[in-house]
Amino acid sequence: MLAFVPNIVQAQSGAVIAATQTTLEITNKVVAPDGFKRLAVIAGGTLPGPLLTTQKGGRFKVKVVNKLTERAMRKTTSVHWHGLFQKGTNWADGATFINQCPIASGHSFVYDFPTNEHTNTYWYHGHHEVQYCDGLRGPMVVYDKNDPHKSRYDVDNAGTVITLMDWYHMYAPVIGPQNHPDSTLINGKGRYAGGPAVALSVVNVEKGKRYRMRLASLACDANFKFSIDGHTSLEVIETDGESTKPMKADSIQIFAGQRYSFILHANQPINNYWIRALPNIGPAGFMGGVNSAILRYKGARNVDPTTTQTPSTLPLLEAQLAPLDHPAAPGIPQLGAADVNIRLEVGQNAQTGLFTMNGVTYVPPPVPVLLQIISGAQNAQDLLPAGSVYVLPRNKVVELTIVSLEAAAPHPFHLHGHAFSVVKGALDTVPNFKNPPRRDVYNAGGGGTTTVIRFVTDNAGPWMFHCHIEFHAVYGMSVIFAADTTSTELENPVPAGWSNLCPIYNALDPADH
């Protein structure tokens, strides 16, 4: 169930913006998005969950009501609002045992936070173990009436949001890290190899118009090579909430958690065209409509396309995506010259299969890190989990050098609470401090590659940094950056409902966790 109640908030510009107060019920429901029936974890009654929107300067106020009953996929839950920095509302970031205790079944929690200066494309998902792999994921958009790219497109609405999901016929907790998705869902629909020819998603366009397509990877693991038959000039203008200088491509490789906006020119003959999202793992090819959806021009017949794919000659070069505003990386333009320099070596234990960061496998602490800080723990040696918390000083430039020592790649790393500048990607030979990509998820490669990113500790609180292949994150490929612990409590006042989460959770029978 999804309920909307009008709410009026004051924008930073002084203008009054109409926002939306939302109730989002998290339930177990039988779904068959690719023709295979299974019980799933569903937000708002749909898969993916409903699109949540507001305007720049507005806020989201979402009451999450937990009605889960299936223990095999966890009865407790939380929601992370991916890409939204939660400045001043660290308690609302949603990562369990970092920012909060899980929400118990039969209870609710209100996430209420401003968008501040955020605009563009985001998403939400469960952040409790691997729960979002079982369905709890959906898109978000913060619209901007003064979008700097507004003159480039005619249409930008709910119909131009395209979500990509890897989908599994087994419950995620029993799959483990060596998983293989059974199908690709585009806007919640897909087909699996050998399965029924169920209806595919349709994206409708009208010849002659320009569309801002918001492509969001809601994947749990897979990355996708995305393209649209007959449309070889996709003009990318946004990456992970950051407006970018326009760059044309005929295909886009998108990793778990990433988002892109691109301009689609509906300039082809009226027809149906295949939309393709080829995963790096899972079903191969496009036979029988797997890994596919349909771009349908107004006036075309209601049939599957017969178009063919042409080889990509202009793939998107992620390393060349330059921010539109303030493009330079923070700090002195020299490797190792930041205020704080940290080397993170990503490894894997050959015996257990667990991942490590600087030799430590992340294990969730018994008490959320935010609660530990509020209770007086300020230093790394006092914070749990031991060896996984890095305390960082306020308003300093941090340089992370991520070295992938094992081959279970790629690793799309996500930083909560910040965007970062990628001054040296895994495939780059020289650093770029002048105009590097700025985003919140980046593929750090694997098998001996090195990636260097920079960010500024201008957001007090504990923030998770992890591989967004969710199976990797829960198997240890995570750390916590606790920025400005001395100011965290003052700058992130917690609501009463937050303080009740842990006592309620701790009173549960472990089987109901």
Foldseek 3Di string as FASTA:
>chain_A
DKDWDWDWDAFPVRDIWIAIAMEKEWEWDWDQQAPATDTFTAIRPAFQHDEHETAFRAKYKYKYAQAYDDLVLFSWWWKAWFLQQCFLAQLNRTADLANFHTFFHRGIDIRIGTSHRFFAKTKMAINDFLRRLRGHIDIYGHHYPVPVCVVVFDDDDPLQEKEKEFHDPDRVVVQFDPHFGQAIAIVRHFHGVPHDLDAHAEREDAAQGKYWHKYFYQYLFWKWKKAKPPFAWWWWQDKARFGWDTDTFRIETGGHRIMIITITHRHDPQEKIKIAIATPGHDGDQPSRTRTHIYGYPPYDPDHGPGDDDDTPGYDDQFPTFGPPPQFADDDPDPPRWPAEEEWEWAADPVPRFIETVNHFADRDLHHQLVVLVVPDQDQCSTPPRPQEAEAEAFTKYKYKYWAQAQPDFFWKFKHNAKKFWQAAQPRPHGHRPTTDIHGIDTNGHNGTITMIMDTLNRAGKMKIAGSSSSNRNSGGIGIYGYNSVCRCVSHPDDPSRVVRSVVVVPDDVSND
